[in-house]
N, C-alpha and C. Protein backbone atom coordinates (compact mmCIF):
# COMPACT_ATOMS: atom_id res chain seq x y z
N MET A 1 0.81 -1.17 -0.03
CA MET A 1 0.02 0.02 0.01
C MET A 1 0.94 1.20 0.03
N SER A 2 0.59 2.15 -0.86
CA SER A 2 1.36 3.44 -0.97
C SER A 2 0.59 4.61 -0.39
N LEU A 3 1.17 5.28 0.52
CA LEU A 3 0.45 6.48 1.01
C LEU A 3 1.07 7.64 0.44
N LYS A 4 0.10 8.63 -0.09
CA LYS A 4 0.61 9.84 -0.67
C LYS A 4 0.50 10.99 0.27
N ARG A 5 1.43 11.92 0.18
CA ARG A 5 1.55 13.14 0.93
C ARG A 5 0.22 13.88 0.63
N ILE A 6 -0.42 14.35 1.69
CA ILE A 6 -1.65 15.23 1.59
C ILE A 6 -1.09 16.65 1.50
N GLU A 7 -1.57 17.36 0.56
CA GLU A 7 -1.13 18.78 0.27
C GLU A 7 -1.84 19.67 1.31
N PRO A 8 -1.05 20.34 2.08
CA PRO A 8 -1.68 21.28 3.21
C PRO A 8 -2.45 22.44 2.59
N GLY A 9 -3.57 22.79 3.21
CA GLY A 9 -4.32 23.84 2.88
C GLY A 9 -3.94 25.05 3.64
N PRO A 10 -4.55 26.13 3.49
CA PRO A 10 -4.29 27.39 4.22
C PRO A 10 -4.18 27.13 5.70
N GLY A 11 -3.19 27.59 6.43
CA GLY A 11 -3.06 27.50 7.81
C GLY A 11 -2.72 26.01 8.36
N GLN A 12 -2.38 25.13 7.38
CA GLN A 12 -2.01 23.74 7.71
C GLN A 12 -0.52 23.59 7.56
N GLU A 13 0.01 22.54 8.17
CA GLU A 13 1.37 22.12 8.07
C GLU A 13 1.22 20.53 7.65
N SER A 14 2.13 20.20 6.73
CA SER A 14 2.33 18.82 6.36
C SER A 14 3.47 18.21 7.22
N VAL A 15 3.29 17.06 7.74
CA VAL A 15 4.27 16.39 8.61
C VAL A 15 5.45 15.99 7.64
N TRP A 16 5.24 15.98 6.35
CA TRP A 16 6.32 15.66 5.36
C TRP A 16 7.13 16.78 5.26
N ASP A 17 6.90 18.03 5.70
CA ASP A 17 7.75 19.19 5.69
C ASP A 17 8.55 19.39 6.96
N TYR A 18 8.26 18.50 7.98
CA TYR A 18 8.98 18.45 9.26
C TYR A 18 10.29 17.77 8.96
N PRO A 19 11.34 18.21 9.73
CA PRO A 19 12.74 17.67 9.43
C PRO A 19 13.02 16.29 10.09
N ARG A 20 14.13 15.73 9.66
CA ARG A 20 14.68 14.49 10.35
C ARG A 20 16.18 14.77 10.27
N PRO A 21 16.89 14.94 11.28
CA PRO A 21 16.53 14.73 12.61
C PRO A 21 15.46 15.77 13.10
N PRO A 22 14.63 15.43 14.11
CA PRO A 22 13.47 16.33 14.59
C PRO A 22 13.96 17.62 15.01
N ARG A 23 12.98 18.62 14.98
CA ARG A 23 13.21 19.96 15.53
C ARG A 23 12.41 20.23 16.69
N LEU A 24 13.06 20.94 17.71
CA LEU A 24 12.32 21.28 18.80
C LEU A 24 12.03 22.83 18.72
N GLU A 25 10.85 23.22 19.10
CA GLU A 25 10.50 24.61 19.09
C GLU A 25 9.40 24.95 20.09
N ASN A 26 9.43 26.17 20.56
CA ASN A 26 8.42 26.69 21.52
C ASN A 26 7.01 26.81 20.86
N SER A 27 6.04 26.52 21.60
CA SER A 27 4.77 26.64 21.27
C SER A 27 4.01 27.48 22.18
N HIS A 28 3.24 28.47 21.68
CA HIS A 28 2.45 29.31 22.62
C HIS A 28 0.89 29.06 22.50
N LYS A 29 0.64 28.01 21.90
CA LYS A 29 -0.71 27.43 21.84
C LYS A 29 -1.20 26.99 23.23
N HIS A 30 -2.47 27.10 23.47
CA HIS A 30 -3.04 26.78 24.83
C HIS A 30 -3.19 25.13 24.81
N ILE A 31 -2.36 24.56 25.54
CA ILE A 31 -2.33 23.02 25.67
C ILE A 31 -2.96 22.67 26.99
N GLN A 32 -3.94 21.66 26.94
CA GLN A 32 -4.52 21.14 28.12
C GLN A 32 -4.73 19.68 28.01
N VAL A 33 -4.64 19.04 29.15
CA VAL A 33 -4.80 17.59 29.25
C VAL A 33 -5.81 17.32 30.37
N ILE A 34 -6.82 16.57 30.01
CA ILE A 34 -7.95 16.24 30.91
C ILE A 34 -8.10 14.79 31.13
N PHE A 35 -8.24 14.31 32.35
CA PHE A 35 -8.34 12.94 32.70
C PHE A 35 -9.20 12.79 33.84
N ASN A 36 -10.23 11.89 33.69
CA ASN A 36 -11.35 11.66 34.69
C ASN A 36 -11.94 12.99 35.41
N GLY A 37 -12.17 13.80 34.38
CA GLY A 37 -12.97 15.05 34.64
C GLY A 37 -12.02 16.25 35.28
N SER A 38 -10.74 16.00 35.49
CA SER A 38 -9.76 16.94 35.93
C SER A 38 -8.83 17.40 34.89
N THR A 39 -8.48 18.67 34.94
CA THR A 39 -7.47 19.24 34.14
C THR A 39 -6.16 19.04 34.88
N ILE A 40 -5.34 18.13 34.25
CA ILE A 40 -4.05 17.68 34.89
C ILE A 40 -2.91 18.46 34.35
N ALA A 41 -3.12 19.17 33.22
CA ALA A 41 -2.02 19.92 32.57
C ALA A 41 -2.72 21.14 31.85
N ASP A 42 -2.13 22.31 32.02
CA ASP A 42 -2.64 23.52 31.39
C ASP A 42 -1.44 24.57 31.23
N THR A 43 -1.17 24.87 29.87
CA THR A 43 0.01 25.74 29.67
C THR A 43 -0.18 26.40 28.43
N HIS A 44 0.63 27.57 28.33
CA HIS A 44 0.87 28.27 27.01
C HIS A 44 2.39 28.27 26.90
N ARG A 45 2.98 27.37 27.51
CA ARG A 45 4.47 27.42 27.45
C ARG A 45 5.10 26.04 27.01
N ALA A 46 4.28 25.32 26.25
CA ALA A 46 4.77 23.93 25.82
C ALA A 46 5.81 24.20 24.82
N LYS A 47 6.49 23.02 24.60
CA LYS A 47 7.49 22.96 23.54
C LYS A 47 6.99 21.77 22.62
N ARG A 48 7.23 21.91 21.42
CA ARG A 48 6.75 20.76 20.44
C ARG A 48 7.96 20.22 19.68
N VAL A 49 7.94 18.88 19.45
CA VAL A 49 8.91 18.29 18.58
C VAL A 49 8.21 17.79 17.27
N LEU A 50 8.92 18.35 16.31
CA LEU A 50 8.48 18.05 14.90
C LEU A 50 9.47 17.11 14.24
N GLU A 51 8.87 15.99 13.72
CA GLU A 51 9.70 14.92 13.05
C GLU A 51 9.02 14.41 11.76
N THR A 52 9.73 14.31 10.70
CA THR A 52 9.01 13.88 9.37
C THR A 52 8.23 12.63 9.68
N SER A 53 6.94 12.79 9.22
CA SER A 53 5.94 11.81 9.23
C SER A 53 5.12 11.71 10.51
N HIS A 54 5.50 12.43 11.50
CA HIS A 54 4.79 12.40 12.80
C HIS A 54 4.11 13.71 13.14
N PRO A 55 2.89 13.63 13.73
CA PRO A 55 2.25 14.86 14.15
C PRO A 55 3.13 15.38 15.43
N PRO A 56 2.83 16.69 15.71
CA PRO A 56 3.63 17.24 16.82
C PRO A 56 3.47 16.43 18.15
N VAL A 57 4.54 16.37 18.93
CA VAL A 57 4.47 15.94 20.21
C VAL A 57 4.62 17.21 21.26
N TYR A 58 3.72 17.38 22.07
CA TYR A 58 3.73 18.53 22.95
C TYR A 58 4.36 18.22 24.33
N TYR A 59 5.33 18.93 24.76
CA TYR A 59 6.07 18.71 25.96
C TYR A 59 5.67 19.85 26.85
N ILE A 60 5.22 19.59 28.12
CA ILE A 60 4.66 20.57 29.01
C ILE A 60 5.51 20.78 30.16
N PRO A 61 5.83 21.97 30.60
CA PRO A 61 6.68 22.18 31.65
C PRO A 61 6.04 21.59 32.97
N PRO A 62 6.89 20.93 33.86
CA PRO A 62 6.32 20.28 35.00
C PRO A 62 5.53 21.25 35.85
N GLU A 63 5.95 22.48 35.93
CA GLU A 63 5.19 23.47 36.86
C GLU A 63 3.74 23.67 36.41
N ASP A 64 3.38 23.34 35.19
CA ASP A 64 2.05 23.45 34.59
C ASP A 64 1.33 22.14 34.52
N VAL A 65 1.85 21.13 35.27
CA VAL A 65 1.18 19.83 35.39
C VAL A 65 0.85 19.57 36.89
N GLN A 66 -0.30 18.96 37.06
CA GLN A 66 -0.75 18.57 38.46
C GLN A 66 0.04 17.30 38.73
N VAL A 67 1.37 17.40 39.14
CA VAL A 67 2.17 16.24 39.34
C VAL A 67 1.83 15.29 40.51
N ASP A 68 0.94 15.84 41.28
CA ASP A 68 0.39 14.79 42.30
C ASP A 68 -0.40 13.70 41.71
N HIS A 69 -0.80 13.88 40.49
CA HIS A 69 -1.59 12.83 39.63
C HIS A 69 -0.73 11.78 38.98
N LEU A 70 0.62 12.16 38.92
CA LEU A 70 1.49 11.29 38.18
C LEU A 70 2.08 10.19 39.10
N ILE A 71 2.34 9.00 38.51
CA ILE A 71 2.84 7.79 39.24
C ILE A 71 4.15 7.46 38.45
N PRO A 72 5.31 7.67 39.16
CA PRO A 72 6.57 7.21 38.34
C PRO A 72 6.49 5.74 38.12
N ARG A 73 7.06 5.42 36.98
CA ARG A 73 7.15 4.03 36.51
C ARG A 73 8.51 3.63 36.28
N PHE A 74 8.91 2.42 36.33
CA PHE A 74 10.34 2.02 36.13
C PHE A 74 10.60 1.76 34.56
N ASN A 75 9.65 1.90 33.76
CA ASN A 75 9.79 1.68 32.26
C ASN A 75 10.65 2.85 31.77
N THR A 76 11.48 2.31 30.77
CA THR A 76 12.25 3.35 29.97
C THR A 76 12.35 2.88 28.43
N SER A 77 12.62 3.78 27.64
CA SER A 77 12.80 3.55 26.26
C SER A 77 13.93 4.51 25.73
N PHE A 78 14.30 4.16 24.55
CA PHE A 78 15.44 5.07 24.01
C PHE A 78 15.05 5.67 22.67
N CYS A 79 15.33 6.97 22.59
CA CYS A 79 15.07 7.62 21.18
C CYS A 79 16.46 7.94 20.73
N GLU A 80 16.78 7.71 19.51
CA GLU A 80 18.19 8.11 19.04
C GLU A 80 18.45 9.58 19.02
N TRP A 81 17.34 10.53 19.08
CA TRP A 81 17.58 11.88 19.09
C TRP A 81 17.45 12.54 20.35
N LYS A 82 16.51 12.09 21.27
CA LYS A 82 16.27 12.63 22.54
C LYS A 82 16.93 11.99 23.74
N GLY A 83 17.24 10.75 23.60
CA GLY A 83 17.88 9.89 24.62
C GLY A 83 16.95 9.04 25.35
N GLU A 84 17.23 8.74 26.80
CA GLU A 84 16.37 7.85 27.37
C GLU A 84 15.18 8.56 27.99
N ALA A 85 13.99 7.88 27.63
CA ALA A 85 12.72 8.39 28.18
C ALA A 85 12.35 7.52 29.40
N HIS A 86 11.70 8.19 30.36
CA HIS A 86 11.09 7.55 31.56
C HIS A 86 9.65 7.78 31.54
N TYR A 87 8.89 7.01 32.22
CA TYR A 87 7.39 7.09 32.04
C TYR A 87 6.61 7.33 33.40
N TYR A 88 5.44 7.85 33.27
CA TYR A 88 4.55 8.05 34.31
C TYR A 88 3.17 7.29 34.03
N GLY A 89 2.61 6.89 35.05
CA GLY A 89 1.16 6.56 35.08
C GLY A 89 0.48 7.76 35.50
N VAL A 90 -0.92 7.82 35.35
CA VAL A 90 -1.70 8.91 35.80
C VAL A 90 -2.92 8.30 36.58
N MET A 91 -3.22 8.99 37.78
CA MET A 91 -4.25 8.61 38.60
C MET A 91 -5.08 9.87 39.05
N VAL A 92 -6.34 9.78 38.73
CA VAL A 92 -7.24 10.79 39.24
C VAL A 92 -8.40 10.01 39.82
N GLY A 93 -8.69 10.32 41.17
CA GLY A 93 -9.66 9.48 41.85
C GLY A 93 -9.36 8.08 41.86
N GLU A 94 -10.17 7.17 41.48
CA GLU A 94 -9.96 5.74 41.36
C GLU A 94 -9.52 5.31 39.94
N GLN A 95 -9.53 6.21 39.06
CA GLN A 95 -9.17 5.97 37.61
C GLN A 95 -7.66 6.00 37.45
N VAL A 96 -7.09 4.96 36.86
CA VAL A 96 -5.64 4.89 36.65
C VAL A 96 -5.29 4.42 35.28
N VAL A 97 -4.27 5.00 34.65
CA VAL A 97 -3.68 4.56 33.43
C VAL A 97 -2.17 4.20 33.76
N ASP A 98 -1.81 2.96 33.55
CA ASP A 98 -0.50 2.59 33.96
C ASP A 98 0.65 3.33 33.24
N ILE A 99 0.51 3.51 31.94
CA ILE A 99 1.60 4.25 31.21
C ILE A 99 0.90 5.27 30.32
N ALA A 100 0.95 6.60 30.81
CA ALA A 100 0.14 7.57 30.24
C ALA A 100 1.00 8.74 29.70
N ALA A 101 2.28 8.89 30.17
CA ALA A 101 3.12 10.05 29.84
C ALA A 101 4.51 9.64 29.99
N TRP A 102 5.37 10.56 29.29
CA TRP A 102 6.85 10.22 29.39
C TRP A 102 7.67 11.59 29.46
N TYR A 103 8.87 11.46 29.83
CA TYR A 103 9.83 12.68 29.97
C TYR A 103 11.20 12.21 29.75
N TYR A 104 12.04 13.10 29.56
CA TYR A 104 13.46 12.94 29.38
C TYR A 104 14.20 13.59 30.53
N PRO A 105 14.75 12.90 31.54
CA PRO A 105 15.39 13.45 32.51
C PRO A 105 16.70 14.29 32.17
N GLN A 106 17.39 13.60 31.19
CA GLN A 106 18.65 14.15 30.73
C GLN A 106 18.72 14.01 29.17
N PRO A 107 17.94 14.83 28.51
CA PRO A 107 17.90 14.63 27.06
C PRO A 107 19.22 15.02 26.40
N ARG A 108 19.36 14.39 25.17
CA ARG A 108 20.60 14.62 24.43
C ARG A 108 20.80 16.09 23.87
N MET A 109 22.02 16.35 23.43
CA MET A 109 22.17 17.68 22.84
C MET A 109 21.21 18.05 21.87
N GLY A 110 20.70 19.29 21.84
CA GLY A 110 19.76 19.87 20.91
C GLY A 110 18.31 19.74 21.50
N PHE A 111 18.21 18.94 22.47
CA PHE A 111 16.84 18.68 23.16
C PHE A 111 16.80 18.97 24.64
N GLU A 112 17.94 19.61 25.14
CA GLU A 112 18.01 19.94 26.55
C GLU A 112 16.87 20.67 27.10
N ASP A 113 16.17 21.54 26.23
CA ASP A 113 15.07 22.37 26.66
C ASP A 113 13.74 21.56 27.10
N ILE A 114 13.74 20.31 26.78
CA ILE A 114 12.55 19.47 27.15
C ILE A 114 12.95 18.68 28.37
N GLY A 115 14.06 18.84 29.02
CA GLY A 115 14.42 18.14 30.10
C GLY A 115 13.36 18.16 31.23
N MET A 116 12.74 17.09 31.67
CA MET A 116 11.81 16.97 32.66
C MET A 116 10.37 17.52 32.20
N TYR A 117 10.24 17.98 30.98
CA TYR A 117 8.94 18.36 30.45
C TYR A 117 8.23 17.05 30.19
N ILE A 118 6.85 17.13 30.29
CA ILE A 118 6.02 15.92 30.27
C ILE A 118 5.24 15.95 29.05
N ALA A 119 5.19 14.67 28.33
CA ALA A 119 4.33 14.55 27.11
C ALA A 119 3.33 13.46 27.44
N PHE A 120 2.11 13.70 27.00
CA PHE A 120 1.00 12.74 27.29
C PHE A 120 0.53 11.93 26.06
N TYR A 121 0.17 10.72 26.32
CA TYR A 121 -0.46 9.98 25.13
C TYR A 121 -1.93 10.38 25.07
N ALA A 122 -2.32 10.91 23.99
CA ALA A 122 -3.77 11.37 23.86
C ALA A 122 -4.72 10.22 23.99
N GLN A 123 -4.39 9.00 23.53
CA GLN A 123 -5.24 7.92 23.49
C GLN A 123 -5.77 7.53 24.89
N TYR A 124 -4.97 7.88 25.91
CA TYR A 124 -5.32 7.44 27.17
C TYR A 124 -5.95 8.50 28.12
N MET A 125 -6.00 9.77 27.63
CA MET A 125 -6.69 10.75 28.24
C MET A 125 -8.05 10.99 27.86
N ASP A 126 -8.92 11.65 28.66
CA ASP A 126 -10.19 11.97 28.27
C ASP A 126 -10.19 13.03 27.02
N ALA A 127 -9.30 13.94 27.24
CA ALA A 127 -9.03 14.90 26.11
C ALA A 127 -7.70 15.64 26.19
N CYS A 128 -7.16 15.79 25.13
CA CYS A 128 -5.97 16.64 25.00
C CYS A 128 -6.27 17.73 24.01
N LEU A 129 -6.21 18.98 24.48
CA LEU A 129 -6.67 20.09 23.67
C LEU A 129 -5.54 20.94 23.15
N VAL A 130 -5.54 21.48 22.00
CA VAL A 130 -4.70 22.38 21.43
C VAL A 130 -5.48 23.54 20.95
N ASP A 131 -5.39 24.77 21.75
CA ASP A 131 -6.15 25.93 21.52
C ASP A 131 -7.67 25.62 21.40
N GLY A 132 -8.10 24.72 22.31
CA GLY A 132 -9.56 24.42 22.36
C GLY A 132 -9.97 23.18 21.61
N GLU A 133 -9.08 22.85 20.53
CA GLU A 133 -9.47 21.65 19.69
C GLU A 133 -9.02 20.34 20.29
N GLU A 134 -9.83 19.42 20.32
CA GLU A 134 -9.51 18.00 20.75
C GLU A 134 -8.55 17.44 19.78
N ALA A 135 -7.40 17.04 20.29
CA ALA A 135 -6.41 16.33 19.42
C ALA A 135 -6.80 14.83 19.36
N LEU A 136 -6.44 14.29 18.18
CA LEU A 136 -6.63 12.81 18.05
C LEU A 136 -5.31 12.22 18.32
N PRO A 137 -5.25 10.96 18.92
CA PRO A 137 -3.95 10.35 18.94
C PRO A 137 -3.32 9.91 17.68
N GLN A 138 -2.05 9.95 17.71
CA GLN A 138 -1.27 9.58 16.50
C GLN A 138 -1.66 8.09 16.32
N PRO A 139 -1.91 7.68 15.01
CA PRO A 139 -2.30 6.26 14.75
C PRO A 139 -1.14 5.35 15.14
N GLY A 140 -1.42 4.07 15.54
CA GLY A 140 -0.40 3.10 15.69
C GLY A 140 -0.27 2.53 17.05
N GLY A 141 -0.69 3.39 18.09
CA GLY A 141 -0.61 2.89 19.47
C GLY A 141 0.62 3.29 20.12
N PHE A 142 1.64 3.05 19.45
CA PHE A 142 3.03 3.33 20.22
C PHE A 142 3.42 4.87 20.25
N TYR A 143 2.93 5.61 19.24
CA TYR A 143 3.48 7.01 19.09
C TYR A 143 2.71 7.94 19.90
N GLY A 144 3.25 9.11 20.22
CA GLY A 144 2.61 10.05 21.14
C GLY A 144 2.20 11.36 20.40
N GLY A 145 2.19 11.52 19.14
CA GLY A 145 1.93 12.80 18.47
C GLY A 145 0.43 13.09 18.64
N TRP A 146 0.11 14.31 18.55
CA TRP A 146 -1.32 14.70 18.58
C TRP A 146 -1.72 15.30 17.18
N VAL A 147 -2.83 14.79 16.67
CA VAL A 147 -3.31 15.14 15.43
C VAL A 147 -4.43 16.16 15.59
N THR A 148 -4.19 17.36 14.98
CA THR A 148 -5.22 18.40 14.87
C THR A 148 -5.48 18.81 13.47
N SER A 149 -6.55 19.69 13.25
CA SER A 149 -6.92 19.95 11.93
C SER A 149 -5.87 20.80 11.23
N ASP A 150 -4.97 21.31 11.95
CA ASP A 150 -3.89 22.16 11.17
C ASP A 150 -2.67 21.41 10.91
N VAL A 151 -2.73 20.02 10.89
CA VAL A 151 -1.66 19.15 10.59
C VAL A 151 -2.17 18.05 9.64
N VAL A 152 -1.52 17.77 8.51
CA VAL A 152 -1.90 16.76 7.61
C VAL A 152 -0.76 15.70 7.37
N GLY A 153 -1.21 14.54 7.00
CA GLY A 153 -0.29 13.44 6.85
C GLY A 153 -0.07 13.08 5.37
N PRO A 154 -0.04 11.76 5.21
CA PRO A 154 -0.25 10.70 6.10
C PRO A 154 0.70 10.53 7.23
N PHE A 155 0.39 9.96 8.35
CA PHE A 155 1.20 9.85 9.52
C PHE A 155 1.78 8.50 9.81
N LYS A 156 3.00 8.58 10.31
CA LYS A 156 3.60 7.26 10.78
C LYS A 156 2.63 6.57 11.75
N GLY A 157 2.25 5.43 11.49
CA GLY A 157 1.33 4.68 12.34
C GLY A 157 0.04 4.45 11.54
N ASP A 158 -0.25 5.14 10.44
CA ASP A 158 -1.35 4.82 9.68
C ASP A 158 -1.13 3.50 8.96
N ALA A 159 -2.22 2.80 8.54
CA ALA A 159 -2.15 1.53 7.82
C ALA A 159 -1.20 1.74 6.57
N GLY A 160 -0.23 0.88 6.42
CA GLY A 160 0.70 0.98 5.27
C GLY A 160 2.02 1.64 5.66
N SER A 161 2.08 2.43 6.76
CA SER A 161 3.19 3.14 7.02
C SER A 161 4.28 2.31 7.71
N GLU A 162 3.93 1.04 7.96
CA GLU A 162 4.99 0.14 8.45
C GLU A 162 6.09 -0.24 7.47
N LEU A 163 5.84 0.14 6.22
CA LEU A 163 6.83 -0.05 5.16
C LEU A 163 7.81 1.11 4.99
N TRP A 164 7.60 2.24 5.75
CA TRP A 164 8.58 3.38 5.65
C TRP A 164 9.71 3.14 6.32
């Protein structure tokens, strides 16, 4: 199956115009994460990572996250660009998601600005909002990008992308 690049319309970005290696940039969009009826993250100071074929991943400063809802996990993974990721579960009331977010305690050169910033998997939250728009999770289950109407694909994780 061949996936063709979607041409962006006015005010849209194509993930195929994002660089590899990825680029880190500031975002002043209003980012909110809601779980079990509680807003657990709310910021205008997020950073986003843009990588070819992936929708943006938003990293939120820990001061803008209700960290009392985070449960440290022992899981780690490795990104060739950003380094070793560590994970959090999220608990609000009796509702728990075992692996819901991740962060880089000591990111590699070029990504130092996201050190300790927290990214959330949209698929496990009630809502992840970008300027009030509910983001869809990046397809594929493993990835953490947020798909909004201002970003077009196809995206890594779509059916057929396993051949890329």
